[in-house]
Amino acid sequence: VQLKDGSIDLVQPLGNRFGNFDRAPYMK
């Protein structure tokens, strides 16, 4: 994901990157 402010993030099981629904990256 790329946000409007230019920041980037990634969610995937590999590396236990499950994300967050209520704050950036706004997906889980």
PDB file of all heavy atoms in Angstrom:
ATOM      1  N   VAL A   1       0.830  -1.195   0.000  1.00  0.00           N
ATOM      2  CA  VAL A   1       0.000   0.000   0.000  1.00  0.00           C
ATOM      3  C   VAL A   1       0.867   1.247   0.000  1.00  0.00           C
ATOM      4  O   VAL A   1       1.917   1.294   0.652  1.00  0.00           O
ATOM      5  CB  VAL A   1      -0.964   0.009   1.209  1.00  0.00           C
ATOM      6  CG1 VAL A   1      -0.206  -0.031   2.518  1.00  0.00           C
ATOM      7  CG2 VAL A   1      -1.890   1.210   1.168  1.00  0.00           C
ATOM      8  N   GLN A   2       0.439   2.243  -0.744  1.00  0.00           N
ATOM      9  CA  GLN A   2       1.035   3.569  -0.706  1.00  0.00           C
ATOM     10  C   GLN A   2      -0.042   4.545  -0.270  1.00  0.00           C
ATOM     11  O   GLN A   2      -1.127   4.600  -0.863  1.00  0.00           O
ATOM     12  CB  GLN A   2       1.585   3.970  -2.078  1.00  0.00           C
ATOM     13  CG  GLN A   2       2.185   5.370  -2.110  1.00  0.00           C
ATOM     14  CD  GLN A   2       2.658   5.774  -3.494  1.00  0.00           C
ATOM     15  OE1 GLN A   2       2.672   4.972  -4.422  1.00  0.00           O
ATOM     16  NE2 GLN A   2       3.047   7.026  -3.640  1.00  0.00           N
ATOM     17  N   LEU A   3       0.229   5.312   0.778  1.00  0.00           N
ATOM     18  CA  LEU A   3      -0.729   6.283   1.279  1.00  0.00           C
ATOM     19  C   LEU A   3      -0.555   7.621   0.571  1.00  0.00           C
ATOM     20  O   LEU A   3       0.439   7.861  -0.116  1.00  0.00           O
ATOM     21  CB  LEU A   3      -0.572   6.443   2.794  1.00  0.00           C
ATOM     22  CG  LEU A   3      -0.763   5.162   3.633  1.00  0.00           C
ATOM     23  CD1 LEU A   3      -0.609   5.471   5.111  1.00  0.00           C
ATOM     24  CD2 LEU A   3      -2.117   4.523   3.356  1.00  0.00           C
ATOM     25  N   LYS A   4      -1.521   8.503   0.755  1.00  0.00           N
ATOM     26  CA  LYS A   4      -1.496   9.811   0.107  1.00  0.00           C
ATOM     27  C   LYS A   4      -0.303  10.649   0.557  1.00  0.00           C
ATOM     28  O   LYS A   4       0.174  11.519  -0.192  1.00  0.00           O
ATOM     29  CB  LYS A   4      -2.794  10.571   0.409  1.00  0.00           C
ATOM     30  CG  LYS A   4      -4.012  10.056  -0.344  1.00  0.00           C
ATOM     31  CD  LYS A   4      -3.944  10.409  -1.815  1.00  0.00           C
ATOM     32  CE  LYS A   4      -5.244  10.080  -2.530  1.00  0.00           C
ATOM     33  NZ  LYS A   4      -5.202  10.431  -3.965  1.00  0.00           N
ATOM     34  N   ASP A   5       0.201  10.395   1.780  1.00  0.00           N
ATOM     35  CA  ASP A   5       1.352  11.159   2.269  1.00  0.00           C
ATOM     36  C   ASP A   5       2.686  10.616   1.755  1.00  0.00           C
ATOM     37  O   ASP A   5       3.749  11.102   2.133  1.00  0.00           O
ATOM     38  CB  ASP A   5       1.357  11.202   3.798  1.00  0.00           C
ATOM     39  CG  ASP A   5       1.502   9.820   4.435  1.00  0.00           C
ATOM     40  OD1 ASP A   5       1.757   8.832   3.722  1.00  0.00           O
ATOM     41  OD2 ASP A   5       1.346   9.723   5.677  1.00  0.00           O
ATOM     42  N   GLY A   6       2.625   9.580   0.884  1.00  0.00           N
ATOM     43  CA  GLY A   6       3.837   9.022   0.297  1.00  0.00           C
ATOM     44  C   GLY A   6       4.412   7.831   1.032  1.00  0.00           C
ATOM     45  O   GLY A   6       5.291   7.142   0.505  1.00  0.00           O
ATOM     46  N   SER A   7       3.950   7.572   2.254  1.00  0.00           N
ATOM     47  CA  SER A   7       4.472   6.439   3.016  1.00  0.00           C
ATOM     48  C   SER A   7       3.985   5.126   2.416  1.00  0.00           C
ATOM     49  O   SER A   7       2.932   5.070   1.768  1.00  0.00           O
ATOM     50  CB  SER A   7       4.046   6.536   4.482  1.00  0.00           C
ATOM     51  OG  SER A   7       2.628   6.512   4.599  1.00  0.00           O
ATOM     52  N   ILE A   8       4.765   4.065   2.611  1.00  0.00           N
ATOM     53  CA  ILE A   8       4.433   2.749   2.078  1.00  0.00           C
ATOM     54  C   ILE A   8       4.438   1.726   3.201  1.00  0.00           C
ATOM     55  O   ILE A   8       5.091   1.905   4.228  1.00  0.00           O
ATOM     56  CB  ILE A   8       5.422   2.321   0.963  1.00  0.00           C
ATOM     57  CG1 ILE A   8       6.872   2.320   1.489  1.00  0.00           C
ATOM     58  CG2 ILE A   8       5.287   3.214  -0.254  1.00  0.00           C
ATOM     59  CD1 ILE A   8       7.890   1.775   0.491  1.00  0.00           C
ATOM     60  N   ASP A   9       3.694   0.662   3.010  1.00  0.00           N
ATOM     61  CA  ASP A   9       3.658  -0.424   3.987  1.00  0.00           C
ATOM     62  C   ASP A   9       3.263  -1.700   3.266  1.00  0.00           C
ATOM     63  O   ASP A   9       2.841  -1.677   2.099  1.00  0.00           O
ATOM     64  CB  ASP A   9       2.689  -0.122   5.117  1.00  0.00           C
ATOM     65  CG  ASP A   9       3.088  -0.780   6.433  1.00  0.00           C
ATOM     66  OD1 ASP A   9       3.797  -1.817   6.390  1.00  0.00           O
ATOM     67  OD2 ASP A   9       2.687  -0.272   7.489  1.00  0.00           O
ATOM     68  N   LEU A  10       3.385  -2.808   3.968  1.00  0.00           N
ATOM     69  CA  LEU A  10       3.139  -4.127   3.391  1.00  0.00           C
ATOM     70  C   LEU A  10       2.524  -5.014   4.449  1.00  0.00           C
ATOM     71  O   LEU A  10       2.909  -4.957   5.619  1.00  0.00           O
ATOM     72  CB  LEU A  10       4.461  -4.701   2.876  1.00  0.00           C
ATOM     73  CG  LEU A  10       4.530  -6.148   2.387  1.00  0.00           C
ATOM     74  CD1 LEU A  10       5.589  -6.264   1.282  1.00  0.00           C
ATOM     75  CD2 LEU A  10       4.911  -7.095   3.523  1.00  0.00           C
ATOM     76  N   VAL A  11       1.540  -5.846   4.035  1.00  0.00           N
ATOM     77  CA  VAL A  11       1.006  -6.871   4.929  1.00  0.00           C
ATOM     78  C   VAL A  11       1.115  -8.219   4.233  1.00  0.00           C
ATOM     79  O   VAL A  11       0.817  -8.348   3.044  1.00  0.00           O
ATOM     80  CB  VAL A  11      -0.459  -6.594   5.337  1.00  0.00           C
ATOM     81  CG1 VAL A  11      -0.571  -5.306   6.117  1.00  0.00           C
ATOM     82  CG2 VAL A  11      -1.380  -6.555   4.137  1.00  0.00           C
ATOM     83  N   GLN A  12       1.579  -9.216   4.978  1.00  0.00           N
ATOM     84  CA  GLN A  12       1.668 -10.590   4.494  1.00  0.00           C
ATOM     85  C   GLN A  12       2.032 -11.469   5.682  1.00  0.00           C
ATOM     86  O   GLN A  12       2.634 -10.992   6.652  1.00  0.00           O
ATOM     87  CB  GLN A  12       2.704 -10.736   3.377  1.00  0.00           C
ATOM     88  CG  GLN A  12       4.122 -10.423   3.791  1.00  0.00           C
ATOM     89  CD  GLN A  12       5.142 -10.665   2.679  1.00  0.00           C
ATOM     90  OE1 GLN A  12       4.838 -10.619   1.500  1.00  0.00           O
ATOM     91  NE2 GLN A  12       6.377 -10.947   3.073  1.00  0.00           N
ATOM     92  N   PRO A  13       1.685 -12.777   5.639  1.00  0.00           N
ATOM     93  CA  PRO A  13       2.045 -13.657   6.746  1.00  0.00           C
ATOM     94  C   PRO A  13       3.557 -13.796   6.929  1.00  0.00           C
ATOM     95  O   PRO A  13       4.036 -13.903   8.054  1.00  0.00           O
ATOM     96  CB  PRO A  13       1.404 -14.999   6.356  1.00  0.00           C
ATOM     97  CG  PRO A  13       0.289 -14.626   5.435  1.00  0.00           C
ATOM     98  CD  PRO A  13       0.792 -13.438   4.675  1.00  0.00           C
ATOM     99  N   LEU A  14       4.308 -13.805   5.828  1.00  0.00           N
ATOM    100  CA  LEU A  14       5.758 -13.927   5.900  1.00  0.00           C
ATOM    101  C   LEU A  14       6.324 -12.711   6.621  1.00  0.00           C
ATOM    102  O   LEU A  14       6.095 -11.572   6.209  1.00  0.00           O
ATOM    103  CB  LEU A  14       6.343 -14.034   4.495  1.00  0.00           C
ATOM    104  CG  LEU A  14       7.794 -14.521   4.378  1.00  0.00           C
ATOM    105  CD1 LEU A  14       7.952 -15.931   4.909  1.00  0.00           C
ATOM    106  CD2 LEU A  14       8.248 -14.452   2.919  1.00  0.00           C
ATOM    107  N   GLY A  15       7.020 -12.953   7.706  1.00  0.00           N
ATOM    108  CA  GLY A  15       7.511 -11.863   8.531  1.00  0.00           C
ATOM    109  C   GLY A  15       6.510 -11.387   9.563  1.00  0.00           C
ATOM    110  O   GLY A  15       6.743 -10.409  10.275  1.00  0.00           O
ATOM    111  N   ASN A  16       5.350 -12.085   9.633  1.00  0.00           N
ATOM    112  CA  ASN A  16       4.296 -11.752  10.602  1.00  0.00           C
ATOM    113  C   ASN A  16       3.856 -10.295  10.500  1.00  0.00           C
ATOM    114  O   ASN A  16       3.643  -9.615  11.503  1.00  0.00           O
ATOM    115  CB  ASN A  16       4.772 -12.068  12.033  1.00  0.00           C
ATOM    116  CG  ASN A  16       4.951 -13.552  12.256  1.00  0.00           C
ATOM    117  OD1 ASN A  16       4.090 -14.348  11.900  1.00  0.00           O
ATOM    118  ND2 ASN A  16       6.088 -13.935  12.830  1.00  0.00           N
ATOM    119  N   ARG A  17       3.694  -9.828   9.269  1.00  0.00           N
ATOM    120  CA  ARG A  17       3.244  -8.459   9.037  1.00  0.00           C
ATOM    121  C   ARG A  17       1.737  -8.494   8.728  1.00  0.00           C
ATOM    122  O   ARG A  17       1.333  -8.577   7.558  1.00  0.00           O
ATOM    123  CB  ARG A  17       4.025  -7.821   7.896  1.00  0.00           C
ATOM    124  CG  ARG A  17       5.536  -7.752   8.147  1.00  0.00           C
ATOM    125  CD  ARG A  17       6.239  -7.087   6.970  1.00  0.00           C
ATOM    126  NE  ARG A  17       5.794  -5.712   6.791  1.00  0.00           N
ATOM    127  CZ  ARG A  17       6.405  -4.656   7.299  1.00  0.00           C
ATOM    128  NH1 ARG A  17       7.484  -4.816   8.053  1.00  0.00           N
ATOM    129  NH2 ARG A  17       5.945  -3.437   7.069  1.00  0.00           N
ATOM    130  N   PHE A  18       0.921  -8.452   9.775  1.00  0.00           N
ATOM    131  CA  PHE A  18      -0.525  -8.612   9.604  1.00  0.00           C
ATOM    132  C   PHE A  18      -1.273  -7.286   9.506  1.00  0.00           C
ATOM    133  O   PHE A  18      -2.463  -7.274   9.214  1.00  0.00           O
ATOM    134  CB  PHE A  18      -1.098  -9.471  10.729  1.00  0.00           C
ATOM    135  CG  PHE A  18      -0.714 -10.925  10.600  1.00  0.00           C
ATOM    136  CD1 PHE A  18       0.412 -11.421  11.230  1.00  0.00           C
ATOM    137  CD2 PHE A  18      -1.467 -11.787   9.822  1.00  0.00           C
ATOM    138  CE1 PHE A  18       0.781 -12.744  11.098  1.00  0.00           C
ATOM    139  CE2 PHE A  18      -1.114 -13.122   9.683  1.00  0.00           C
ATOM    140  CZ  PHE A  18       0.023 -13.605  10.320  1.00  0.00           C
ATOM    141  N   GLY A  19      -0.591  -6.153   9.730  1.00  0.00           N
ATOM    142  CA  GLY A  19      -1.186  -4.855   9.519  1.00  0.00           C
ATOM    143  C   GLY A  19      -2.087  -4.388  10.637  1.00  0.00           C
ATOM    144  O   GLY A  19      -2.160  -4.986  11.715  1.00  0.00           O
ATOM    145  N   ASN A  20      -2.817  -3.284  10.378  1.00  0.00           N
ATOM    146  CA  ASN A  20      -3.725  -2.706  11.356  1.00  0.00           C
ATOM    147  C   ASN A  20      -4.906  -2.090  10.616  1.00  0.00           C
ATOM    148  O   ASN A  20      -4.720  -1.375   9.624  1.00  0.00           O
ATOM    149  CB  ASN A  20      -3.016  -1.645  12.199  1.00  0.00           C
ATOM    150  CG  ASN A  20      -3.836  -1.216  13.401  1.00  0.00           C
ATOM    151  OD1 ASN A  20      -4.874  -0.570  13.279  1.00  0.00           O
ATOM    152  ND2 ASN A  20      -3.361  -1.584  14.587  1.00  0.00           N
ATOM    153  N   PHE A  21      -6.112  -2.371  11.077  1.00  0.00           N
ATOM    154  CA  PHE A  21      -7.315  -1.911  10.382  1.00  0.00           C
ATOM    155  C   PHE A  21      -7.649  -0.455  10.710  1.00  0.00           C
ATOM    156  O   PHE A  21      -8.083   0.299   9.841  1.00  0.00           O
ATOM    157  CB  PHE A  21      -8.499  -2.803  10.764  1.00  0.00           C
ATOM    158  CG  PHE A  21      -9.764  -2.521   9.993  1.00  0.00           C
ATOM    159  CD1 PHE A  21      -9.929  -3.002   8.704  1.00  0.00           C
ATOM    160  CD2 PHE A  21     -10.787  -1.766  10.558  1.00  0.00           C
ATOM    161  CE1 PHE A  21     -11.104  -2.741   7.981  1.00  0.00           C
ATOM    162  CE2 PHE A  21     -11.959  -1.500   9.854  1.00  0.00           C
ATOM    163  CZ  PHE A  21     -12.107  -1.988   8.559  1.00  0.00           C
ATOM    164  N   ASP A  22      -7.432  -0.037  11.954  1.00  0.00           N
ATOM    165  CA  ASP A  22      -7.884   1.279  12.416  1.00  0.00           C
ATOM    166  C   ASP A  22      -6.863   2.387  12.221  1.00  0.00           C
ATOM    167  O   ASP A  22      -7.211   3.564  12.249  1.00  0.00           O
ATOM    168  CB  ASP A  22      -8.289   1.202  13.887  1.00  0.00           C
ATOM    169  CG  ASP A  22      -9.477   0.281  14.105  1.00  0.00           C
ATOM    170  OD1 ASP A  22     -10.469   0.418  13.353  1.00  0.00           O
ATOM    171  OD2 ASP A  22      -9.412  -0.576  14.995  1.00  0.00           O
ATOM    172  N   ARG A  23      -5.610   2.037  12.042  1.00  0.00           N
ATOM    173  CA  ARG A  23      -4.592   3.033  11.743  1.00  0.00           C
ATOM    174  C   ARG A  23      -3.711   2.509  10.614  1.00  0.00           C
ATOM    175  O   ARG A  23      -3.846   1.371  10.191  1.00  0.00           O
ATOM    176  CB  ARG A  23      -3.762   3.363  12.987  1.00  0.00           C
ATOM    177  CG  ARG A  23      -3.018   2.192  13.605  1.00  0.00           C
ATOM    178  CD  ARG A  23      -2.180   2.672  14.802  1.00  0.00           C
ATOM    179  NE  ARG A  23      -1.355   1.602  15.348  1.00  0.00           N
ATOM    180  CZ  ARG A  23      -1.722   0.787  16.308  1.00  0.00           C
ATOM    181  NH1 ARG A  23      -2.936   0.903  16.837  1.00  0.00           N
ATOM    182  NH2 ARG A  23      -0.919  -0.166  16.746  1.00  0.00           N
ATOM    183  N   ALA A  24      -2.827   3.378  10.102  1.00  0.00           N
ATOM    184  CA  ALA A  24      -1.995   2.993   8.963  1.00  0.00           C
ATOM    185  C   ALA A  24      -1.353   1.620   9.208  1.00  0.00           C
ATOM    186  O   ALA A  24      -0.881   1.355  10.315  1.00  0.00           O
ATOM    187  CB  ALA A  24      -0.924   4.048   8.727  1.00  0.00           C
ATOM    188  N   PRO A  25      -1.436   0.726   8.189  1.00  0.00           N
ATOM    189  CA  PRO A  25      -1.777   0.955   6.776  1.00  0.00           C
ATOM    190  C   PRO A  25      -3.264   0.825   6.441  1.00  0.00           C
ATOM    191  O   PRO A  25      -3.627   0.711   5.281  1.00  0.00           O
ATOM    192  CB  PRO A  25      -0.989  -0.128   6.063  1.00  0.00           C
ATOM    193  CG  PRO A  25      -1.002  -1.283   7.021  1.00  0.00           C
ATOM    194  CD  PRO A  25      -0.903  -0.650   8.397  1.00  0.00           C
ATOM    195  N   TYR A  26      -4.165   0.774   7.443  1.00  0.00           N
ATOM    196  CA  TYR A  26      -5.617   0.698   7.249  1.00  0.00           C
ATOM    197  C   TYR A  26      -6.043  -0.591   6.557  1.00  0.00           C
ATOM    198  O   TYR A  26      -7.025  -0.619   5.822  1.00  0.00           O
ATOM    199  CB  TYR A  26      -6.127   1.918   6.476  1.00  0.00           C
ATOM    200  CG  TYR A  26      -5.714   3.213   7.121  1.00  0.00           C
ATOM    201  CD1 TYR A  26      -4.843   4.086   6.478  1.00  0.00           C
ATOM    202  CD2 TYR A  26      -6.177   3.555   8.388  1.00  0.00           C
ATOM    203  CE1 TYR A  26      -4.442   5.274   7.081  1.00  0.00           C
ATOM    204  CE2 TYR A  26      -5.780   4.741   9.002  1.00  0.00           C
ATOM    205  CZ  TYR A  26      -4.909   5.590   8.341  1.00  0.00           C
ATOM    206  OH  TYR A  26      -4.513   6.764   8.944  1.00  0.00           O
ATOM    207  N   MET A  27      -5.327  -1.657   6.787  1.00  0.00           N
ATOM    208  CA  MET A  27      -5.726  -2.977   6.299  1.00  0.00           C
ATOM    209  C   MET A  27      -5.093  -4.031   7.199  1.00  0.00           C
ATOM    210  O   MET A  27      -4.011  -3.827   7.749  1.00  0.00           O
ATOM    211  CB  MET A  27      -5.326  -3.184   4.835  1.00  0.00           C
ATOM    212  CG  MET A  27      -3.870  -3.011   4.523  1.00  0.00           C
ATOM    213  SD  MET A  27      -3.590  -3.181   2.733  1.00  0.00           S
ATOM    214  CE  MET A  27      -1.807  -2.940   2.669  1.00  0.00           C
ATOM    215  N   LYS A  28      -5.801  -5.156   7.333  1.00  0.00           N
ATOM    216  CA  LYS A  28      -5.346  -6.189   8.252  1.00  0.00           C
ATOM    217  C   LYS A  28      -5.670  -7.567   7.696  1.00  0.00           C
ATOM    218  O   LYS A  28      -6.776  -7.805   7.204  1.00  0.00           O
ATOM    219  CB  LYS A  28      -6.000  -6.013   9.623  1.00  0.00           C
ATOM    220  CG  LYS A  28      -5.496  -6.994  10.686  1.00  0.00           C
ATOM    221  CD  LYS A  28      -6.096  -6.685  12.035  1.00  0.00           C
ATOM    222  CE  LYS A  28      -5.634  -7.697  13.092  1.00  0.00           C
ATOM    223  NZ  LYS A  28      -4.171  -7.673  13.287  1.00  0.00           N
TER     224      LYS A  28
END
